[in-house]
Structures are given as C-alpha cells and as structure tokens.
N, C-alpha and C. Protein backbone atom coordinates (compact mmCIF):
# COMPACT_ATOMS: atom_id res chain seq x y z
N UNK A 1 102.51 83.01 85.99
CA UNK A 1 101.51 83.51 86.76
C UNK A 1 102.23 84.09 88.25
N UNK A 2 101.64 84.06 89.30
CA UNK A 2 102.18 84.60 90.73
C UNK A 2 102.27 85.83 90.53
N UNK A 3 102.36 86.57 91.40
CA UNK A 3 102.70 88.14 91.50
C UNK A 3 104.07 88.59 92.41
N UNK A 4 105.12 89.15 91.68
CA UNK A 4 106.16 89.78 92.62
C UNK A 4 106.89 88.65 93.06
N UNK A 5 106.84 87.12 92.43
CA UNK A 5 107.87 86.01 92.56
C UNK A 5 107.05 85.60 93.86
N UNK A 6 105.55 85.50 93.89
CA UNK A 6 105.43 84.76 95.00
C UNK A 6 103.99 84.33 94.57
N UNK A 7 103.93 82.61 95.16
CA UNK A 7 102.41 82.15 94.66
C UNK A 7 101.30 82.28 95.15
N UNK A 8 100.24 82.07 94.20
CA UNK A 8 98.74 82.43 94.85
C UNK A 8 97.77 81.37 94.68
N UNK A 9 96.97 80.64 95.73
CA UNK A 9 96.18 80.12 95.71
C UNK A 9 95.29 80.68 95.66
N UNK A 10 93.91 80.23 95.48
CA UNK A 10 92.44 80.66 95.48
C UNK A 10 91.48 79.18 95.69
N UNK A 11 91.07 79.38 96.95
CA UNK A 11 90.06 78.43 96.87
C UNK A 11 88.35 78.93 97.01
N UNK A 12 87.73 78.17 96.59
CA UNK A 12 86.19 78.02 96.51
C UNK A 12 85.43 77.43 97.00
N UNK A 13 84.60 77.99 98.51
CA UNK A 13 84.19 77.00 99.52
C UNK A 13 83.13 76.62 98.67
N UNK A 14 82.69 75.65 98.83
CA UNK A 14 81.38 75.07 97.58
C UNK A 14 80.58 74.05 99.26
N UNK A 15 80.39 74.50 100.37
CA UNK A 15 79.67 73.52 101.09
C UNK A 15 78.29 73.65 100.92
N UNK A 16 77.92 72.22 101.05
CA UNK A 16 76.52 72.14 100.30
C UNK A 16 75.39 72.01 101.26
N UNK A 17 75.90 72.51 102.65
CA UNK A 17 74.49 73.08 103.67
C UNK A 17 74.00 74.01 103.86
N UNK A 18 73.63 74.90 103.10
CA UNK A 18 72.82 76.30 103.21
C UNK A 18 71.45 75.97 103.78
N UNK A 19 71.24 76.76 104.81
CA UNK A 19 70.07 76.61 105.18
C UNK A 19 69.11 77.72 104.49
N UNK A 20 69.53 78.42 104.14
CA UNK A 20 68.30 79.24 103.68
C UNK A 20 68.34 78.99 102.04
N UNK A 21 68.98 78.68 101.39
CA UNK A 21 68.99 78.34 99.89
C UNK A 21 69.60 76.94 99.78
N UNK A 22 69.16 75.93 99.89
CA UNK A 22 69.81 74.39 99.74
C UNK A 22 70.61 74.16 98.43
N UNK A 23 71.54 73.74 98.51
CA UNK A 23 72.40 73.40 97.62
C UNK A 23 73.15 74.75 96.39
N UNK A 24 72.70 75.92 97.10
CA UNK A 24 72.79 77.09 96.21
C UNK A 24 74.02 77.06 95.19
N UNK A 25 75.14 76.62 95.80
CA UNK A 25 76.48 77.05 95.25
C UNK A 25 76.49 76.60 94.03
N UNK A 26 75.17 75.43 93.96
CA UNK A 26 75.63 74.62 92.39
C UNK A 26 74.04 74.81 91.78
N UNK A 27 73.39 75.85 92.41
CA UNK A 27 72.40 76.17 91.42
C UNK A 27 72.63 77.25 90.12
N UNK A 28 71.78 77.27 89.02
CA UNK A 28 71.98 78.07 87.85
C UNK A 28 72.02 79.56 88.32
N UNK A 29 72.99 80.25 87.76
CA UNK A 29 72.42 81.79 87.47
C UNK A 29 72.99 82.34 86.40
N UNK A 30 72.26 82.64 85.71
CA UNK A 30 72.21 83.33 84.01
C UNK A 30 73.24 82.22 83.30
N UNK A 31 72.29 80.86 83.61
CA UNK A 31 73.26 79.68 82.88
C UNK A 31 74.23 79.16 83.09
N UNK A 32 74.90 79.37 84.56
CA UNK A 32 76.10 78.76 85.06
C UNK A 32 76.19 78.60 86.65
N UNK A 33 76.16 77.38 86.96
CA UNK A 33 76.42 77.35 88.54
C UNK A 33 76.94 78.43 89.21
N UNK A 34 77.02 78.88 90.53
CA UNK A 34 77.82 79.43 91.21
C UNK A 34 78.98 79.25 91.10
N UNK A 35 79.61 78.23 91.34
CA UNK A 35 80.88 77.66 91.51
C UNK A 35 81.26 77.63 90.15
N UNK A 36 80.68 77.66 88.99
CA UNK A 36 81.37 77.71 87.84
C UNK A 36 81.75 79.13 87.51
N UNK A 37 80.84 79.99 87.69
CA UNK A 37 81.33 81.24 88.08
C UNK A 37 82.55 81.78 88.59
N UNK A 38 82.55 81.49 89.66
CA UNK A 38 83.84 81.25 90.45
C UNK A 38 85.62 80.95 90.13
N UNK A 39 84.81 79.82 89.53
CA UNK A 39 86.09 78.86 89.23
C UNK A 39 86.13 79.44 87.50
N UNK A 40 85.71 79.75 87.06
CA UNK A 40 86.04 80.77 85.69
C UNK A 40 86.60 81.87 85.74
N UNK A 41 86.45 82.48 86.56
CA UNK A 41 87.08 84.28 87.20
C UNK A 41 88.12 83.58 87.82
N UNK A 42 88.45 82.99 88.86
CA UNK A 42 89.77 82.42 89.20
C UNK A 42 90.66 81.72 88.18
N UNK A 43 90.54 81.34 87.49
CA UNK A 43 91.06 80.38 85.86
C UNK A 43 91.43 81.87 85.16
N UNK A 44 90.83 82.69 84.91
CA UNK A 44 91.34 83.98 84.25
C UNK A 44 92.19 84.69 84.76
N UNK A 45 92.27 84.73 86.28
CA UNK A 45 93.18 85.73 87.16
C UNK A 45 94.71 85.59 86.48
N UNK A 46 95.41 86.39 86.19
CA UNK A 46 96.83 87.02 85.44
C UNK A 46 97.79 86.13 87.08
N UNK A 47 97.35 86.34 87.71
CA UNK A 47 98.33 86.11 89.01
C UNK A 47 98.22 84.59 90.02
N UNK A 48 96.88 84.16 90.20
CA UNK A 48 96.54 82.55 90.70
C UNK A 48 97.35 81.69 90.04
N UNK A 49 97.92 80.85 90.80
CA UNK A 49 98.71 79.92 89.89
C UNK A 49 97.80 78.68 90.50
N UNK A 50 97.00 78.35 91.48
CA UNK A 50 96.50 76.98 91.71
C UNK A 50 94.94 77.52 92.07
N UNK A 51 94.00 76.91 91.41
CA UNK A 51 92.66 76.95 92.09
C UNK A 51 92.17 75.64 92.39
N UNK A 52 91.62 75.56 94.05
CA UNK A 52 90.88 74.59 94.51
C UNK A 52 89.40 74.52 94.74
N UNK A 53 88.99 73.97 94.42
CA UNK A 53 87.19 73.77 94.51
C UNK A 53 87.37 72.95 95.72
N UNK A 54 86.76 73.88 96.83
CA UNK A 54 86.70 72.66 98.42
C UNK A 54 85.23 72.03 98.62
N UNK A 55 84.70 70.97 98.04
CA UNK A 55 83.96 70.63 98.50
C UNK A 55 83.65 69.81 99.77
N UNK A 56 82.78 69.29 100.55
CA UNK A 56 82.38 68.78 101.45
C UNK A 56 83.51 67.43 101.93
N UNK A 57 83.31 67.18 100.40
CA UNK A 57 84.06 65.81 100.73
C UNK A 57 85.62 65.83 100.51
N UNK A 58 86.02 67.27 100.10
CA UNK A 58 87.74 67.19 100.18
C UNK A 58 87.96 68.00 101.64
N UNK A 59 87.41 67.93 102.45
CA UNK A 59 88.10 68.38 103.98
C UNK A 59 87.16 67.45 105.22
N UNK A 60 88.02 67.98 106.24
CA UNK A 60 87.40 67.14 107.60
C UNK A 60 85.95 67.62 107.39
N UNK A 61 85.49 66.96 108.49
CA UNK A 61 83.68 67.11 108.73
C UNK A 61 83.49 68.69 109.37
N UNK A 62 84.16 68.33 110.24
CA UNK A 62 84.15 69.93 111.26
C UNK A 62 84.43 71.23 110.53
N UNK A 63 84.72 70.94 109.16
CA UNK A 63 84.99 71.95 108.35
C UNK A 63 83.49 72.20 107.48
N UNK A 64 82.37 71.45 107.64
CA UNK A 64 81.64 71.35 106.36
C UNK A 64 80.25 71.45 107.38
N UNK A 65 80.43 72.41 108.48
CA UNK A 65 79.35 72.71 109.45
C UNK A 65 79.19 74.54 109.53
N UNK A 66 77.66 74.84 110.30
CA UNK A 66 77.39 76.06 110.15
C UNK A 66 78.83 77.15 111.12
N UNK A 67 79.39 76.36 112.01
CA UNK A 67 80.43 77.17 112.43
C UNK A 67 81.92 77.27 112.03
N UNK A 68 81.98 76.16 111.00
CA UNK A 68 83.43 76.61 110.08
C UNK A 68 83.44 77.82 109.71
N UNK A 69 84.58 77.99 109.82
CA UNK A 69 84.48 79.72 109.07
C UNK A 69 85.37 79.45 107.69
N UNK A 70 85.23 80.28 106.80
CA UNK A 70 85.85 80.29 105.46
C UNK A 70 87.53 80.73 105.61
N UNK A 71 87.70 81.40 106.67
CA UNK A 71 88.93 81.12 106.91
C UNK A 71 89.74 79.53 107.23
N UNK A 72 89.05 79.15 108.07
CA UNK A 72 89.36 77.81 108.60
C UNK A 72 89.56 76.82 107.22
N UNK A 73 88.53 76.85 106.23
CA UNK A 73 88.57 76.20 105.29
C UNK A 73 89.93 76.58 104.33
N UNK A 74 90.05 78.13 104.55
CA UNK A 74 91.22 78.24 103.60
C UNK A 74 92.59 78.02 104.37
N UNK A 75 92.66 77.98 105.34
CA UNK A 75 93.71 77.73 106.36
C UNK A 75 94.06 75.81 105.94
N UNK A 76 93.12 75.37 106.19
CA UNK A 76 93.07 73.57 105.53
C UNK A 76 93.59 73.64 104.30
N UNK A 77 93.37 74.23 103.21
CA UNK A 77 93.57 74.19 102.05
C UNK A 77 95.04 74.75 101.83
N UNK A 78 95.38 75.42 102.52
CA UNK A 78 96.52 76.28 102.62
C UNK A 78 97.71 75.56 103.06
N UNK A 79 97.24 74.64 103.73
CA UNK A 79 98.03 73.74 105.16
C UNK A 79 98.26 72.58 104.04
N UNK A 80 97.24 72.14 103.00
CA UNK A 80 97.84 71.25 101.93
C UNK A 80 98.69 71.31 101.09
N UNK A 81 98.57 72.38 100.39
CA UNK A 81 99.08 73.18 99.23
C UNK A 81 99.85 74.57 99.64
N UNK A 82 100.59 74.34 100.51
CA UNK A 82 101.40 75.85 100.72
C UNK A 82 101.50 77.24 99.27
N UNK A 83 101.35 78.06 99.72
CA UNK A 83 101.50 79.54 99.01
C UNK A 83 101.50 80.48 99.79
N UNK A 84 102.12 81.70 99.19
CA UNK A 84 102.57 83.00 99.52
C UNK A 84 101.49 83.69 100.35
N UNK A 85 100.35 83.63 99.17
CA UNK A 85 99.21 84.22 99.02
C UNK A 85 97.91 83.54 98.88
N UNK A 86 97.00 83.66 99.82
CA UNK A 86 95.93 83.07 99.39
C UNK A 86 94.59 83.78 99.10
N UNK A 87 93.50 83.59 98.28
CA UNK A 87 92.42 83.79 98.16
C UNK A 87 91.22 83.34 98.22
N UNK A 88 90.51 83.95 98.38
CA UNK A 88 88.66 83.28 99.07
C UNK A 88 87.80 83.92 97.90
N UNK A 89 87.18 82.95 97.24
CA UNK A 89 86.30 83.15 96.37
C UNK A 89 84.94 82.49 96.46
N UNK A 90 83.97 83.42 96.99
CA UNK A 90 83.19 82.62 97.73
C UNK A 90 82.41 82.35 96.26
N UNK A 91 81.52 81.33 95.91
CA UNK A 91 80.32 81.23 94.95
C UNK A 91 79.53 82.31 94.57
N UNK A 92 79.24 82.68 96.12
CA UNK A 92 77.58 83.38 96.22
C UNK A 92 77.72 84.93 95.80
N UNK A 93 79.24 85.16 94.74
CA UNK A 93 79.38 86.28 94.40
C UNK A 93 79.68 86.11 92.58
N UNK A 94 78.62 85.84 91.85
CA UNK A 94 78.93 85.22 90.58
C UNK A 94 79.17 86.47 89.42
N UNK A 95 79.17 87.86 90.01
CA UNK A 95 79.15 88.89 89.12
C UNK A 95 80.76 89.19 88.89
N UNK A 96 81.43 88.88 90.13
CA UNK A 96 82.94 89.14 90.39
C UNK A 96 83.84 88.83 88.98
N UNK A 97 84.53 89.80 88.60
CA UNK A 97 85.47 89.33 87.17
C UNK A 97 86.85 88.79 87.85
N UNK A 98 87.68 88.56 87.01
CA UNK A 98 89.20 88.06 86.73
C UNK A 98 89.91 89.58 87.00
N UNK A 99 89.09 90.87 86.73
CA UNK A 99 89.81 92.09 86.67
C UNK A 99 89.51 92.27 88.27
N UNK A 100 88.62 91.91 88.98
CA UNK A 100 88.25 92.42 90.11
C UNK A 100 89.13 91.74 91.08
N UNK A 101 89.49 90.31 90.88
CA UNK A 101 90.20 89.10 91.51
C UNK A 101 91.87 90.21 91.69
N UNK A 102 92.52 90.05 90.45
CA UNK A 102 93.30 90.83 90.03
C UNK A 102 93.98 92.04 90.84
N UNK A 103 92.86 92.88 90.58
CA UNK A 103 92.95 94.51 91.04
C UNK A 103 92.80 94.33 92.89
N UNK A 104 92.11 93.30 93.33
CA UNK A 104 92.29 93.21 94.66
C UNK A 104 93.75 92.21 95.02
N UNK A 105 94.16 91.71 94.53
CA UNK A 105 95.54 90.71 94.24
C UNK A 105 96.33 91.85 94.29
N UNK A 106 96.59 92.71 93.30
CA UNK A 106 97.56 94.10 93.43
C UNK A 106 97.67 95.05 94.42
N UNK A 107 96.10 95.25 94.60
CA UNK A 107 96.01 96.34 96.17
C UNK A 107 96.78 95.67 97.34
N UNK A 108 96.67 94.37 97.52
CA UNK A 108 97.08 93.42 98.65
C UNK A 108 98.74 93.60 98.67
N UNK A 109 99.70 93.70 97.55
CA UNK A 109 100.58 93.73 97.49
C UNK A 109 101.44 94.82 98.17
N UNK A 110 100.51 95.90 98.60
CA UNK A 110 100.85 97.10 99.45
C UNK A 110 100.67 97.06 101.12
N UNK A 111 100.37 95.76 101.61
CA UNK A 111 100.32 95.26 103.01
C UNK A 111 100.18 93.99 102.88
N UNK A 112 99.34 93.43 103.85
CA UNK A 112 98.99 91.91 104.35
C UNK A 112 97.97 91.29 103.76
N UNK A 113 96.94 91.94 102.92
CA UNK A 113 95.81 91.49 101.93
C UNK A 113 94.82 92.73 101.84
N UNK A 114 93.82 92.32 101.19
CA UNK A 114 92.59 93.09 100.94
C UNK A 114 91.54 92.66 100.97
N UNK A 115 90.34 93.49 101.21
CA UNK A 115 89.11 92.88 100.75
C UNK A 115 88.06 93.34 100.07
N UNK A 116 87.55 92.86 98.75
CA UNK A 116 86.93 93.70 98.11
C UNK A 116 85.21 94.14 98.70
N UNK A 117 85.11 95.66 98.02
CA UNK A 117 83.87 96.41 98.86
C UNK A 117 83.20 96.89 97.99
N UNK A 118 81.70 97.11 98.31
CA UNK A 118 81.07 97.84 97.65
C UNK A 118 80.58 98.98 98.59
N UNK A 119 80.45 100.49 98.56
CA UNK A 119 80.04 101.50 99.47
C UNK A 119 80.86 101.10 100.57
N UNK A 120 81.65 100.82 100.73
CA UNK A 120 82.80 100.55 102.00
C UNK A 120 82.44 99.60 102.94
N UNK A 121 81.18 98.60 102.60
CA UNK A 121 80.92 97.43 102.97
C UNK A 121 81.76 96.36 102.41
N UNK A 122 82.05 95.68 103.09
CA UNK A 122 82.68 94.18 102.63
C UNK A 122 81.31 93.44 102.00
N UNK A 123 81.65 93.00 100.47
CA UNK A 123 80.70 92.41 99.67
C UNK A 123 80.84 90.94 99.34
N UNK A 124 82.01 90.55 99.60
CA UNK A 124 82.23 88.88 100.10
C UNK A 124 82.76 88.43 98.73
N UNK A 125 83.11 89.25 97.87
CA UNK A 125 83.42 88.89 96.41
C UNK A 125 84.91 88.49 96.33
N UNK A 126 85.65 89.13 97.12
CA UNK A 126 86.87 88.54 96.96
C UNK A 126 87.98 88.91 98.64
N UNK A 127 88.50 87.90 99.23
CA UNK A 127 89.38 87.85 99.90
C UNK A 127 91.05 87.82 99.57
N UNK A 128 91.69 88.41 99.92
CA UNK A 128 93.31 88.29 99.67
C UNK A 128 94.15 88.46 101.41
N UNK A 129 95.15 87.47 101.30
CA UNK A 129 95.77 87.88 102.23
C UNK A 129 97.15 86.77 102.40
N UNK A 130 98.34 87.03 102.73
CA UNK A 130 99.18 86.55 102.94
C UNK A 130 99.13 85.27 104.01
N UNK A 131 99.54 84.08 103.65
CA UNK A 131 99.43 82.96 104.56
C UNK A 131 100.01 83.26 106.00
N UNK A 132 100.73 83.78 106.08
CA UNK A 132 101.17 84.09 107.00
C UNK A 132 100.53 85.30 108.03
N UNK A 133 99.53 86.10 107.19
CA UNK A 133 99.10 87.13 108.18
C UNK A 133 97.71 86.06 108.43
N UNK A 134 96.92 85.26 107.63
CA UNK A 134 95.95 84.60 107.79
C UNK A 134 96.07 83.44 109.12
N UNK A 135 97.32 82.94 109.06
CA UNK A 135 97.29 82.02 109.81
C UNK A 135 97.13 82.95 111.67
N UNK A 136 97.38 83.88 111.83
CA UNK A 136 96.88 84.94 112.74
C UNK A 136 95.62 85.88 113.05
N UNK A 137 95.14 85.96 112.00
CA UNK A 137 93.64 86.71 111.91
C UNK A 137 92.73 86.27 111.10
N UNK A 138 91.64 86.98 111.05
CA UNK A 138 90.09 86.84 110.54
C UNK A 138 90.05 87.80 109.13
N UNK A 139 89.68 87.46 108.40
CA UNK A 139 89.18 88.58 107.40
C UNK A 139 88.54 89.91 107.75
N UNK A 140 87.80 89.57 108.96
CA UNK A 140 87.06 91.09 109.34
C UNK A 140 88.01 91.87 110.13
N UNK A 141 89.45 91.38 110.32
CA UNK A 141 90.42 92.26 111.12
C UNK A 141 90.26 93.61 110.41
N UNK A 142 90.63 94.85 110.92
CA UNK A 142 90.44 95.90 110.57
C UNK A 142 92.01 96.46 109.91
N UNK A 143 92.85 95.60 109.58
CA UNK A 143 94.20 95.88 109.20
C UNK A 143 94.70 95.82 107.59
N UNK A 144 93.29 95.23 106.87
CA UNK A 144 93.29 94.91 105.59
C UNK A 144 93.08 96.04 104.54
N UNK A 145 93.42 96.04 103.27
CA UNK A 145 92.99 97.55 102.59
C UNK A 145 92.01 96.66 101.86
N UNK A 146 91.24 97.85 100.94
CA UNK A 146 90.03 97.78 100.55
C UNK A 146 90.23 97.99 99.26
N UNK A 147 89.17 97.02 98.57
CA UNK A 147 89.01 97.13 96.70
C UNK A 147 87.65 97.51 96.69
N UNK A 148 87.70 98.65 96.38
CA UNK A 148 86.08 98.84 95.99
C UNK A 148 85.41 98.59 94.83
N UNK A 149 84.36 97.69 94.56
CA UNK A 149 84.07 97.18 93.44
C UNK A 149 82.62 97.92 92.99
N UNK A 150 82.67 97.84 91.46
CA UNK A 150 81.38 98.28 91.22
C UNK A 150 79.83 97.69 91.89
N UNK A 151 78.71 98.29 91.74
CA UNK A 151 77.80 97.49 92.16
C UNK A 151 77.49 96.45 91.50
N UNK A 152 77.39 96.43 89.99
CA UNK A 152 76.77 95.36 89.38
C UNK A 152 77.81 94.27 89.43
N UNK A 153 79.15 94.32 90.21
CA UNK A 153 79.89 93.21 90.23
C UNK A 153 79.90 92.48 91.74
N UNK A 154 79.06 93.46 92.75
CA UNK A 154 78.79 93.43 94.05
C UNK A 154 77.61 92.24 94.40
N UNK A 155 76.67 91.85 93.13
CA UNK A 155 75.52 90.76 93.98
C UNK A 155 76.24 89.71 94.61
N UNK A 156 75.54 89.42 96.24
CA UNK A 156 75.93 88.29 97.04
C UNK A 156 74.27 87.80 97.07
N UNK A 157 74.72 86.54 96.93
CA UNK A 157 73.37 85.70 96.55
C UNK A 157 73.13 84.89 97.79
N UNK A 158 72.29 85.17 98.84
CA UNK A 158 72.14 84.37 99.89
C UNK A 158 70.63 83.67 100.02
N UNK A 159 69.50 84.28 99.41
CA UNK A 159 68.35 83.76 98.91
C UNK A 159 67.76 83.14 97.77
N UNK A 160 67.07 82.51 97.76
CA UNK A 160 66.25 82.14 96.70
C UNK A 160 65.87 83.14 95.65
N UNK A 161 65.69 84.56 96.23
CA UNK A 161 64.98 85.23 95.02
C UNK A 161 66.46 86.16 94.38
N UNK A 162 67.68 86.06 95.24
CA UNK A 162 68.71 86.77 94.65
C UNK A 162 69.03 86.08 93.30
N UNK A 163 68.86 84.63 93.13
CA UNK A 163 68.86 84.37 91.59
C UNK A 163 68.48 84.89 90.85
N UNK A 164 67.11 86.15 90.34
CA UNK A 164 66.40 86.56 89.74
C UNK A 164 67.21 87.90 89.63
N UNK A 165 68.45 88.42 90.28
CA UNK A 165 68.87 89.73 90.23
C UNK A 165 69.74 89.69 88.97
C-alpha cells in the first residue's frame, strides 16, 4: 500500500446529528449503510494504509457539532495516527468507487492535494491532501487539483428522498 513511499490515512466521518436526515450515515442505500459503502471503497483502494471510521464517540464533543468541519475531524485523527497523505471520504457519496479514490490520490501527487468534482463543482466524494497542507488550509482553498468523476458516481445524499436515486 502507500503511494510513492508515503503513507495514506482515510477518514470516514460519521456524525450522528444530521438535521435534514437524522441518522443518515447509517441508513441503508441499495442494501448497505452509507458508512458501509464508504468503508468498502476505502478498503479496496490500492493506496490507503489505514481506514478510520470516525464516530461521535471517537472524538471530542466540539468535533460533533454543526460548527465542526470535516477538516477539523481529519486533522484530529491525523494527530492521533500521523500519515503523509490524508483522505476524507464522506458517507453521503455511496456511489464513489475505489478507482475514483485511487485516481484522486494519484492526481494529488502532482501537487498538495485533489478534490473530486462533477461538471467542475465539488461533489463531496473524495478529498485528498498532504498532512502538512491540511494543517494550514481548508479543502475549499483554490490550490487543489481536480478529479472529474462521472455523474453516476457523484450522488450526494443529503435529503431523505436522495436515498431513492
């Protein structure tokens, strides 16, 4: 595993407090929980060394609020388990594949990181950055490379009706 001799940590943040769709990270989509889809894709990646499912109980209470960012959660786990590269896989993108993750990690090697997009807009499926870069920046920073995903892999579940797509 690893890539270019550098270690890779993937974090799947599964906060339980969704307002629009309570418990959505653990709801079934096509027979498997959203968390299950994310973990399966991460474990199938050629490059990810460590996969961390981040539940509310696994982090400080301030990282379980609406105000906490995914970057904050990723930084917290990176401090617990240092790696060279960090990957954020939100459970709300169940159609993302290990191939999408690997392509994003590969593209990230050309700079400080990479985010997945669909039609040029962030689709929330894969975020990759060096630990050093993420210590100083957010994924919304304009300096990251982009990996264009196909539409069928870009579903982002935020509302109860999204589970029917």
